[in-house]
Structures are given as structure tokens and as C-alpha cells.
N, C-alpha and C. Protein backbone atom coordinates (compact mmCIF):
# COMPACT_ATOMS: atom_id res chain seq x y z
N MET A 1 107.52 -57.37 -6.30
CA MET A 1 107.96 -56.60 -5.17
C MET A 1 107.74 -57.36 -3.86
N ALA A 2 106.66 -58.09 -3.74
CA ALA A 2 106.34 -58.79 -2.49
C ALA A 2 107.38 -59.83 -2.13
N GLY A 3 108.08 -60.39 -3.10
CA GLY A 3 109.06 -61.41 -2.82
C GLY A 3 110.42 -60.87 -2.44
N ARG A 4 110.62 -59.57 -2.61
CA ARG A 4 111.92 -58.97 -2.32
C ARG A 4 112.09 -58.80 -0.82
N GLY A 5 113.22 -59.30 -0.31
CA GLY A 5 113.50 -59.19 1.11
C GLY A 5 114.02 -57.82 1.49
N THR A 6 114.07 -57.59 2.79
CA THR A 6 114.59 -56.34 3.33
C THR A 6 115.58 -56.72 4.44
N PRO A 7 116.38 -55.77 4.93
CA PRO A 7 117.25 -56.08 6.06
C PRO A 7 116.46 -56.61 7.27
N ALA A 8 115.23 -56.12 7.46
CA ALA A 8 114.40 -56.59 8.58
C ALA A 8 114.04 -58.06 8.40
N THR A 9 113.59 -58.43 7.21
CA THR A 9 113.20 -59.82 6.99
C THR A 9 114.42 -60.74 7.01
N ALA A 10 115.54 -60.24 6.54
CA ALA A 10 116.78 -61.03 6.57
C ALA A 10 117.20 -61.31 8.02
N LEU A 11 117.08 -60.31 8.89
CA LEU A 11 117.42 -60.47 10.30
C LEU A 11 116.52 -61.53 10.95
N LEU A 12 115.24 -61.46 10.67
CA LEU A 12 114.30 -62.43 11.24
C LEU A 12 114.62 -63.85 10.78
N ALA A 13 114.94 -64.00 9.51
CA ALA A 13 115.28 -65.32 8.98
C ALA A 13 116.58 -65.83 9.60
N LYS A 14 117.57 -64.96 9.69
CA LYS A 14 118.87 -65.34 10.26
C LYS A 14 118.73 -65.78 11.71
N ARG A 15 117.92 -65.07 12.49
CA ARG A 15 117.75 -65.37 13.91
C ARG A 15 116.67 -66.43 14.17
N LYS A 16 115.99 -66.86 13.08
CA LYS A 16 114.94 -67.89 13.17
C LYS A 16 113.83 -67.49 14.14
N ILE A 17 113.38 -66.24 14.01
CA ILE A 17 112.32 -65.70 14.86
C ILE A 17 110.97 -65.94 14.18
N THR A 18 110.03 -66.47 14.92
CA THR A 18 108.69 -66.69 14.39
C THR A 18 108.04 -65.36 14.04
N HIS A 19 107.55 -65.26 12.83
CA HIS A 19 106.89 -64.03 12.36
C HIS A 19 106.05 -64.36 11.13
N THR A 20 105.20 -63.43 10.76
CA THR A 20 104.41 -63.55 9.54
C THR A 20 104.53 -62.25 8.78
N LEU A 21 104.75 -62.35 7.47
CA LEU A 21 104.81 -61.15 6.63
C LEU A 21 103.44 -60.91 6.01
N HIS A 22 103.06 -59.65 5.96
CA HIS A 22 101.79 -59.24 5.37
C HIS A 22 102.08 -58.12 4.37
N SER A 23 101.70 -58.34 3.11
CA SER A 23 101.88 -57.32 2.08
C SER A 23 100.53 -56.73 1.69
N TYR A 24 100.56 -55.49 1.30
CA TYR A 24 99.37 -54.83 0.77
C TYR A 24 99.83 -53.77 -0.22
N GLU A 25 98.95 -53.36 -1.09
CA GLU A 25 99.27 -52.33 -2.08
C GLU A 25 99.17 -50.97 -1.42
N HIS A 26 100.28 -50.27 -1.33
CA HIS A 26 100.31 -48.95 -0.68
C HIS A 26 99.73 -47.89 -1.61
N ASP A 27 98.84 -47.08 -1.09
CA ASP A 27 98.26 -45.95 -1.80
C ASP A 27 98.97 -44.69 -1.29
N PRO A 28 99.73 -43.99 -2.14
CA PRO A 28 100.48 -42.81 -1.69
C PRO A 28 99.62 -41.70 -1.08
N ARG A 29 98.31 -41.73 -1.30
CA ARG A 29 97.43 -40.71 -0.74
C ARG A 29 97.04 -41.02 0.70
N GLU A 30 97.38 -42.20 1.19
CA GLU A 30 96.96 -42.65 2.52
C GLU A 30 98.06 -42.46 3.57
N SER A 31 97.65 -42.40 4.82
CA SER A 31 98.57 -42.39 5.95
C SER A 31 99.10 -43.81 6.10
N TYR A 32 100.40 -43.98 6.17
CA TYR A 32 101.00 -45.31 6.14
C TYR A 32 100.46 -46.26 7.21
N GLY A 33 100.51 -45.86 8.45
CA GLY A 33 100.13 -46.75 9.54
C GLY A 33 98.66 -47.09 9.55
N LEU A 34 97.81 -46.07 9.43
CA LEU A 34 96.38 -46.32 9.43
C LEU A 34 95.97 -47.11 8.19
N GLU A 35 96.65 -46.86 7.09
CA GLU A 35 96.39 -47.62 5.86
C GLU A 35 96.72 -49.09 6.09
N ALA A 36 97.84 -49.37 6.76
CA ALA A 36 98.24 -50.75 7.02
C ALA A 36 97.20 -51.45 7.88
N ALA A 37 96.73 -50.78 8.93
CA ALA A 37 95.72 -51.38 9.81
C ALA A 37 94.46 -51.72 9.02
N SER A 38 94.03 -50.79 8.19
CA SER A 38 92.83 -51.01 7.40
C SER A 38 93.03 -52.14 6.39
N ALA A 39 94.15 -52.12 5.68
CA ALA A 39 94.42 -53.14 4.66
C ALA A 39 94.54 -54.53 5.27
N LEU A 40 95.06 -54.61 6.49
CA LEU A 40 95.25 -55.91 7.14
C LEU A 40 94.04 -56.32 7.97
N GLY A 41 93.11 -55.41 8.15
CA GLY A 41 91.91 -55.74 8.91
C GLY A 41 92.16 -55.93 10.39
N VAL A 42 93.12 -55.15 10.94
CA VAL A 42 93.41 -55.23 12.37
C VAL A 42 93.24 -53.86 13.01
N SER A 43 93.05 -53.86 14.30
CA SER A 43 92.88 -52.62 15.04
C SER A 43 94.15 -51.76 14.96
N PRO A 44 94.01 -50.44 14.78
CA PRO A 44 95.19 -49.57 14.70
C PRO A 44 96.07 -49.61 15.95
N ASP A 45 95.51 -50.00 17.09
CA ASP A 45 96.36 -50.05 18.29
C ASP A 45 97.28 -51.27 18.30
N ARG A 46 97.13 -52.15 17.32
CA ARG A 46 98.01 -53.32 17.18
C ARG A 46 99.09 -53.12 16.13
N VAL A 47 98.96 -52.05 15.35
CA VAL A 47 99.93 -51.74 14.29
C VAL A 47 100.78 -50.58 14.80
N PHE A 48 102.10 -50.76 14.75
CA PHE A 48 103.02 -49.80 15.34
C PHE A 48 103.87 -49.12 14.27
N LYS A 49 104.13 -47.83 14.51
CA LYS A 49 105.00 -47.06 13.62
C LYS A 49 106.34 -46.86 14.30
N THR A 50 107.35 -46.68 13.49
CA THR A 50 108.71 -46.49 13.97
C THR A 50 109.10 -45.04 13.72
N LEU A 51 109.39 -44.33 14.80
CA LEU A 51 109.74 -42.91 14.71
C LEU A 51 111.12 -42.69 15.30
N LEU A 52 111.85 -41.75 14.73
CA LEU A 52 113.16 -41.41 15.25
C LEU A 52 113.15 -40.02 15.87
N ALA A 53 113.78 -39.93 17.02
CA ALA A 53 113.91 -38.66 17.72
C ALA A 53 115.35 -38.52 18.19
N GLU A 54 115.73 -37.31 18.46
CA GLU A 54 117.03 -37.05 19.06
C GLU A 54 116.80 -36.80 20.54
N VAL A 55 117.39 -37.64 21.37
CA VAL A 55 117.30 -37.46 22.83
C VAL A 55 118.67 -37.00 23.29
N ASP A 56 118.73 -35.78 23.78
CA ASP A 56 120.00 -35.16 24.18
C ASP A 56 121.05 -35.33 23.09
N GLY A 57 120.61 -35.17 21.83
CA GLY A 57 121.51 -35.24 20.68
C GLY A 57 121.79 -36.63 20.16
N VAL A 58 121.23 -37.67 20.77
CA VAL A 58 121.48 -39.05 20.34
C VAL A 58 120.22 -39.60 19.69
N LEU A 59 120.35 -40.11 18.48
CA LEU A 59 119.19 -40.68 17.80
C LEU A 59 118.64 -41.87 18.57
N THR A 60 117.33 -41.88 18.72
CA THR A 60 116.64 -42.90 19.49
C THR A 60 115.36 -43.27 18.75
N VAL A 61 115.03 -44.55 18.75
CA VAL A 61 113.84 -45.05 18.08
C VAL A 61 112.69 -45.18 19.08
N GLY A 62 111.53 -44.71 18.69
CA GLY A 62 110.30 -44.90 19.46
C GLY A 62 109.32 -45.69 18.60
N VAL A 63 108.76 -46.75 19.16
CA VAL A 63 107.81 -47.59 18.44
C VAL A 63 106.47 -47.47 19.15
N VAL A 64 105.50 -46.83 18.49
CA VAL A 64 104.21 -46.54 19.10
C VAL A 64 103.07 -46.93 18.16
N PRO A 65 101.87 -47.14 18.71
CA PRO A 65 100.72 -47.46 17.84
C PRO A 65 100.50 -46.36 16.80
N VAL A 66 100.01 -46.77 15.63
CA VAL A 66 99.84 -45.81 14.54
C VAL A 66 98.77 -44.77 14.82
N ASP A 67 97.88 -45.06 15.76
CA ASP A 67 96.84 -44.09 16.07
C ASP A 67 97.21 -43.22 17.28
N ALA A 68 98.48 -43.22 17.64
CA ALA A 68 98.98 -42.43 18.78
C ALA A 68 100.13 -41.54 18.32
N GLN A 69 100.50 -40.63 19.19
CA GLN A 69 101.67 -39.77 18.98
C GLN A 69 102.80 -40.27 19.87
N LEU A 70 104.02 -39.94 19.51
CA LEU A 70 105.17 -40.25 20.36
C LEU A 70 105.28 -39.15 21.41
N ASP A 71 105.25 -39.54 22.68
CA ASP A 71 105.42 -38.61 23.79
C ASP A 71 106.93 -38.41 23.98
N LEU A 72 107.43 -37.28 23.51
CA LEU A 72 108.87 -37.03 23.51
C LEU A 72 109.46 -36.98 24.92
N LYS A 73 108.74 -36.41 25.87
CA LYS A 73 109.23 -36.37 27.26
C LYS A 73 109.34 -37.78 27.82
N ALA A 74 108.35 -38.61 27.54
CA ALA A 74 108.37 -39.99 28.03
C ALA A 74 109.49 -40.80 27.37
N LEU A 75 109.72 -40.54 26.08
CA LEU A 75 110.82 -41.23 25.38
C LEU A 75 112.15 -40.85 26.02
N ALA A 76 112.36 -39.56 26.26
CA ALA A 76 113.61 -39.11 26.88
C ALA A 76 113.79 -39.76 28.25
N ALA A 77 112.73 -39.78 29.04
CA ALA A 77 112.81 -40.37 30.38
C ALA A 77 113.12 -41.87 30.31
N ALA A 78 112.57 -42.55 29.31
CA ALA A 78 112.78 -44.00 29.18
C ALA A 78 114.23 -44.37 28.94
N VAL A 79 115.00 -43.45 28.36
CA VAL A 79 116.42 -43.73 28.10
C VAL A 79 117.34 -42.89 28.98
N GLY A 80 116.77 -42.29 30.02
CA GLY A 80 117.58 -41.51 30.95
C GLY A 80 117.99 -40.15 30.43
N GLY A 81 117.25 -39.63 29.46
CA GLY A 81 117.58 -38.33 28.89
C GLY A 81 116.69 -37.23 29.43
N LYS A 82 117.00 -36.01 28.98
CA LYS A 82 116.25 -34.86 29.44
C LYS A 82 115.37 -34.25 28.36
N ARG A 83 115.91 -34.10 27.15
CA ARG A 83 115.18 -33.42 26.09
C ARG A 83 115.15 -34.28 24.84
N ALA A 84 114.02 -34.21 24.16
CA ALA A 84 113.89 -34.94 22.90
C ALA A 84 113.17 -34.08 21.88
N ARG A 85 113.51 -34.30 20.63
CA ARG A 85 112.81 -33.66 19.52
C ARG A 85 112.84 -34.64 18.35
N MET A 86 111.84 -34.54 17.50
CA MET A 86 111.78 -35.44 16.35
C MET A 86 112.99 -35.22 15.45
N ALA A 87 113.49 -36.30 14.89
CA ALA A 87 114.61 -36.21 13.95
C ALA A 87 114.10 -35.78 12.58
N GLU A 88 114.93 -35.15 11.82
CA GLU A 88 114.59 -34.78 10.45
C GLU A 88 114.40 -36.06 9.64
N VAL A 89 113.48 -36.04 8.70
CA VAL A 89 113.18 -37.22 7.87
C VAL A 89 114.44 -37.71 7.16
N ALA A 90 115.21 -36.79 6.58
CA ALA A 90 116.42 -37.18 5.85
C ALA A 90 117.42 -37.88 6.76
N VAL A 91 117.53 -37.41 7.98
CA VAL A 91 118.44 -38.04 8.96
C VAL A 91 117.94 -39.44 9.30
N ALA A 92 116.63 -39.57 9.52
CA ALA A 92 116.05 -40.88 9.84
C ALA A 92 116.28 -41.86 8.70
N GLU A 93 116.07 -41.43 7.48
CA GLU A 93 116.26 -42.31 6.33
C GLU A 93 117.73 -42.71 6.15
N ARG A 94 118.61 -41.74 6.25
CA ARG A 94 120.04 -42.01 6.09
C ARG A 94 120.57 -42.93 7.18
N THR A 95 120.12 -42.73 8.40
CA THR A 95 120.63 -43.51 9.52
C THR A 95 120.09 -44.94 9.52
N THR A 96 118.81 -45.10 9.18
CA THR A 96 118.21 -46.44 9.23
C THR A 96 118.41 -47.23 7.95
N GLY A 97 118.55 -46.54 6.82
CA GLY A 97 118.64 -47.22 5.54
C GLY A 97 117.28 -47.51 4.93
N TYR A 98 116.23 -47.00 5.55
CA TYR A 98 114.86 -47.19 5.07
C TYR A 98 114.27 -45.84 4.66
N VAL A 99 113.18 -45.88 3.88
CA VAL A 99 112.48 -44.65 3.51
C VAL A 99 111.34 -44.40 4.48
N ALA A 100 111.02 -43.12 4.68
CA ALA A 100 109.91 -42.75 5.56
C ALA A 100 108.65 -43.48 5.10
N GLY A 101 107.89 -43.96 6.06
CA GLY A 101 106.70 -44.75 5.75
C GLY A 101 107.02 -46.22 5.64
N GLY A 102 108.30 -46.56 5.66
CA GLY A 102 108.73 -47.95 5.59
C GLY A 102 109.88 -48.23 6.54
N ILE A 103 110.08 -47.36 7.52
CA ILE A 103 111.18 -47.56 8.47
C ILE A 103 110.79 -48.66 9.45
N SER A 104 111.60 -49.68 9.49
CA SER A 104 111.38 -50.80 10.40
C SER A 104 112.27 -50.63 11.63
N PRO A 105 111.81 -51.08 12.78
CA PRO A 105 112.70 -51.07 13.94
C PRO A 105 113.78 -52.14 13.84
N LEU A 106 113.61 -53.07 12.89
CA LEU A 106 114.54 -54.19 12.71
C LEU A 106 115.47 -53.97 11.53
N GLY A 107 116.71 -54.42 11.64
CA GLY A 107 117.63 -54.41 10.53
C GLY A 107 118.07 -53.03 10.08
N GLN A 108 118.08 -52.08 10.99
CA GLN A 108 118.51 -50.73 10.63
C GLN A 108 120.01 -50.70 10.36
N ARG A 109 120.41 -49.79 9.51
CA ARG A 109 121.82 -49.65 9.12
C ARG A 109 122.71 -49.44 10.33
N LYS A 110 122.23 -48.67 11.30
CA LYS A 110 122.98 -48.39 12.52
C LYS A 110 122.12 -48.78 13.71
N ARG A 111 122.68 -49.49 14.65
CA ARG A 111 121.91 -49.92 15.83
C ARG A 111 121.67 -48.71 16.74
N LEU A 112 120.40 -48.45 17.01
CA LEU A 112 120.02 -47.30 17.82
C LEU A 112 119.28 -47.76 19.07
N ARG A 113 119.33 -46.92 20.11
CA ARG A 113 118.52 -47.19 21.30
C ARG A 113 117.07 -47.24 20.84
N THR A 114 116.33 -48.21 21.36
CA THR A 114 114.95 -48.39 20.93
C THR A 114 114.04 -48.57 22.13
N VAL A 115 112.92 -47.85 22.10
CA VAL A 115 111.90 -47.96 23.14
C VAL A 115 110.59 -48.35 22.46
N VAL A 116 109.98 -49.43 22.95
CA VAL A 116 108.71 -49.91 22.41
C VAL A 116 107.62 -49.59 23.43
N ASP A 117 106.52 -49.01 22.94
CA ASP A 117 105.43 -48.66 23.85
C ASP A 117 104.89 -49.89 24.56
N SER A 118 104.60 -49.72 25.83
CA SER A 118 104.15 -50.83 26.67
C SER A 118 102.82 -51.43 26.21
N SER A 119 102.03 -50.71 25.43
CA SER A 119 100.76 -51.26 24.96
C SER A 119 100.97 -52.48 24.06
N SER A 120 102.17 -52.63 23.51
CA SER A 120 102.45 -53.77 22.64
C SER A 120 102.33 -55.09 23.37
N ALA A 121 102.56 -55.08 24.67
CA ALA A 121 102.51 -56.32 25.46
C ALA A 121 101.08 -56.82 25.66
N GLY A 122 100.10 -56.02 25.31
CA GLY A 122 98.70 -56.39 25.50
C GLY A 122 98.14 -57.27 24.39
N PHE A 123 98.97 -57.62 23.43
CA PHE A 123 98.52 -58.42 22.29
C PHE A 123 99.42 -59.65 22.12
N PRO A 124 98.88 -60.75 21.60
CA PRO A 124 99.74 -61.91 21.34
C PRO A 124 100.81 -61.59 20.30
N THR A 125 100.45 -60.76 19.32
CA THR A 125 101.41 -60.29 18.31
C THR A 125 101.10 -58.84 18.01
N MET A 126 102.10 -58.16 17.47
CA MET A 126 101.97 -56.78 17.04
C MET A 126 102.45 -56.71 15.60
N PHE A 127 102.18 -55.61 14.93
CA PHE A 127 102.62 -55.41 13.56
C PHE A 127 103.56 -54.21 13.53
N CYS A 128 104.64 -54.34 12.74
CA CYS A 128 105.55 -53.21 12.52
C CYS A 128 106.00 -53.27 11.08
N SER A 129 106.58 -52.19 10.61
CA SER A 129 107.02 -52.13 9.22
C SER A 129 108.06 -53.21 8.93
N GLY A 130 107.93 -53.78 7.74
CA GLY A 130 108.88 -54.78 7.29
C GLY A 130 110.06 -54.20 6.54
N GLY A 131 110.11 -52.88 6.44
CA GLY A 131 111.27 -52.25 5.79
C GLY A 131 110.96 -51.63 4.45
N ARG A 132 109.69 -51.63 4.07
CA ARG A 132 109.27 -50.90 2.88
C ARG A 132 107.77 -50.64 2.98
N ARG A 133 107.33 -49.65 2.28
CA ARG A 133 105.91 -49.30 2.27
C ARG A 133 105.12 -50.48 1.71
N GLY A 134 104.07 -50.87 2.44
CA GLY A 134 103.23 -51.97 1.98
C GLY A 134 103.66 -53.34 2.50
N LEU A 135 104.61 -53.38 3.44
CA LEU A 135 105.05 -54.65 4.01
C LEU A 135 105.07 -54.53 5.53
N GLU A 136 104.30 -55.39 6.19
CA GLU A 136 104.23 -55.39 7.65
C GLU A 136 104.69 -56.74 8.19
N ILE A 137 105.35 -56.71 9.34
CA ILE A 137 105.79 -57.92 10.03
C ILE A 137 104.90 -58.10 11.25
N GLU A 138 104.34 -59.28 11.39
CA GLU A 138 103.58 -59.63 12.59
C GLU A 138 104.52 -60.45 13.46
N ILE A 139 104.72 -60.01 14.69
CA ILE A 139 105.73 -60.60 15.57
C ILE A 139 105.29 -60.43 17.02
N ALA A 140 105.75 -61.32 17.88
CA ALA A 140 105.50 -61.15 19.32
C ALA A 140 106.30 -59.95 19.80
N ALA A 141 105.67 -59.11 20.61
CA ALA A 141 106.34 -57.91 21.11
C ALA A 141 107.64 -58.24 21.83
N ALA A 142 107.64 -59.30 22.62
CA ALA A 142 108.85 -59.68 23.37
C ALA A 142 109.99 -60.02 22.41
N ASP A 143 109.68 -60.66 21.27
CA ASP A 143 110.71 -60.98 20.28
C ASP A 143 111.27 -59.71 19.65
N LEU A 144 110.40 -58.76 19.34
CA LEU A 144 110.87 -57.50 18.77
C LEU A 144 111.79 -56.78 19.74
N VAL A 145 111.36 -56.68 20.99
CA VAL A 145 112.16 -55.99 22.01
C VAL A 145 113.52 -56.66 22.16
N ALA A 146 113.53 -57.98 22.18
CA ALA A 146 114.80 -58.72 22.32
C ALA A 146 115.71 -58.49 21.12
N LEU A 147 115.15 -58.50 19.92
CA LEU A 147 115.96 -58.33 18.71
C LEU A 147 116.63 -56.97 18.63
N VAL A 148 115.97 -55.94 19.13
CA VAL A 148 116.54 -54.59 19.07
C VAL A 148 117.23 -54.20 20.36
N ASP A 149 117.28 -55.14 21.31
CA ASP A 149 117.86 -54.87 22.63
C ASP A 149 117.21 -53.61 23.21
N GLY A 150 115.87 -53.58 23.09
CA GLY A 150 115.14 -52.40 23.48
C GLY A 150 114.59 -52.43 24.89
N VAL A 151 113.91 -51.37 25.23
CA VAL A 151 113.22 -51.27 26.51
C VAL A 151 111.74 -51.02 26.22
N VAL A 152 110.92 -51.35 27.19
CA VAL A 152 109.48 -51.15 27.09
C VAL A 152 109.09 -50.05 28.06
N ALA A 153 108.33 -49.09 27.60
CA ALA A 153 107.90 -47.97 28.44
C ALA A 153 106.63 -47.35 27.86
N ASP A 154 105.95 -46.58 28.68
CA ASP A 154 104.76 -45.85 28.22
C ASP A 154 105.23 -44.61 27.47
N ILE A 155 105.30 -44.69 26.14
CA ILE A 155 105.78 -43.56 25.34
C ILE A 155 104.75 -43.05 24.34
N ALA A 156 103.55 -43.63 24.35
CA ALA A 156 102.52 -43.19 23.42
C ALA A 156 101.59 -42.19 24.09
N ALA A 157 101.21 -41.17 23.34
CA ALA A 157 100.24 -40.18 23.80
C ALA A 157 99.05 -40.24 22.86
N ARG A 158 97.88 -40.27 23.44
CA ARG A 158 96.67 -40.35 22.59
C ARG A 158 95.86 -39.08 22.71
């Protein structure tokens, strides 16, 4: 399983973006993001989860630390919207092509507006899902933002 690529890893290879892949054995009883931080031996504020919300009816990606919540009002404001609500899991999976717990901000089936929490800039690299449970990508935040044509904003609530 570790050798199998994903759309996220394919995108990174195609664009020749410096990154490191980290695999770990996923335990279904664990919380995905916090489990990844523990398995990789890194602080949870360096590991980011990918969440989908509907902002004024338009699907939008929020990338926040795994130990934080997505601030829906801040996400809406970051993209010039008024109202946001979390997307249904089935909609998120169908739209991105990934399963919950393994949704990557990279290589999604449909290109969506993406906002990355500003805390990501405080580290030389950040971790995000590689497109399946148990696979994390370590990448410079600026590279991730550029690849998704995203914006950086304060969207995490602790």
C-alpha cells in the first residue's frame, strides 16, 4: 500500500515540488489528524487537516491544524462570502475523489477555492494528507498554497 501513488503525489511529481512522504499504519479507532501527528512524532500544530465547507453555496476547502477547528465565519470572509457551513461527508468525498480521513488539498477531482490557515507559515514545512489514510505529505506551506492557487488567512479556531 505504501508504494501506491495518489493524485496528490502524482501532482507533486509532475510539478517537481520538493516534498517528503511519510507513511504510518492507520488505526481506525484513532482520530486521523492527531494520530498522524503522534505517529510522525511532530507537534499537532504542524499537521493540517483538509475540510470542506459550503460558502454561500460554493464548496470551499479549509486547511487547518489538526488540533484546531475550522472557523466558518473566517473562512467565508477569506473568500469574500457571507455564510459557511460544513459540507456533507459524501459531498466532500465525491467532489474531491478522496475518502474522509484521507482528503488531500492536492490533486482533488475538482479544483476548489482553498484557504490555508496562516499558522502554516510559522514552520519550515507542514504536513497534510497525501490522499489516503496513513499517508502524509511534508511540504513548504508556500508550495502548497501555490499549487492550489490558494489564499492564506486566519481560519483556525482553538
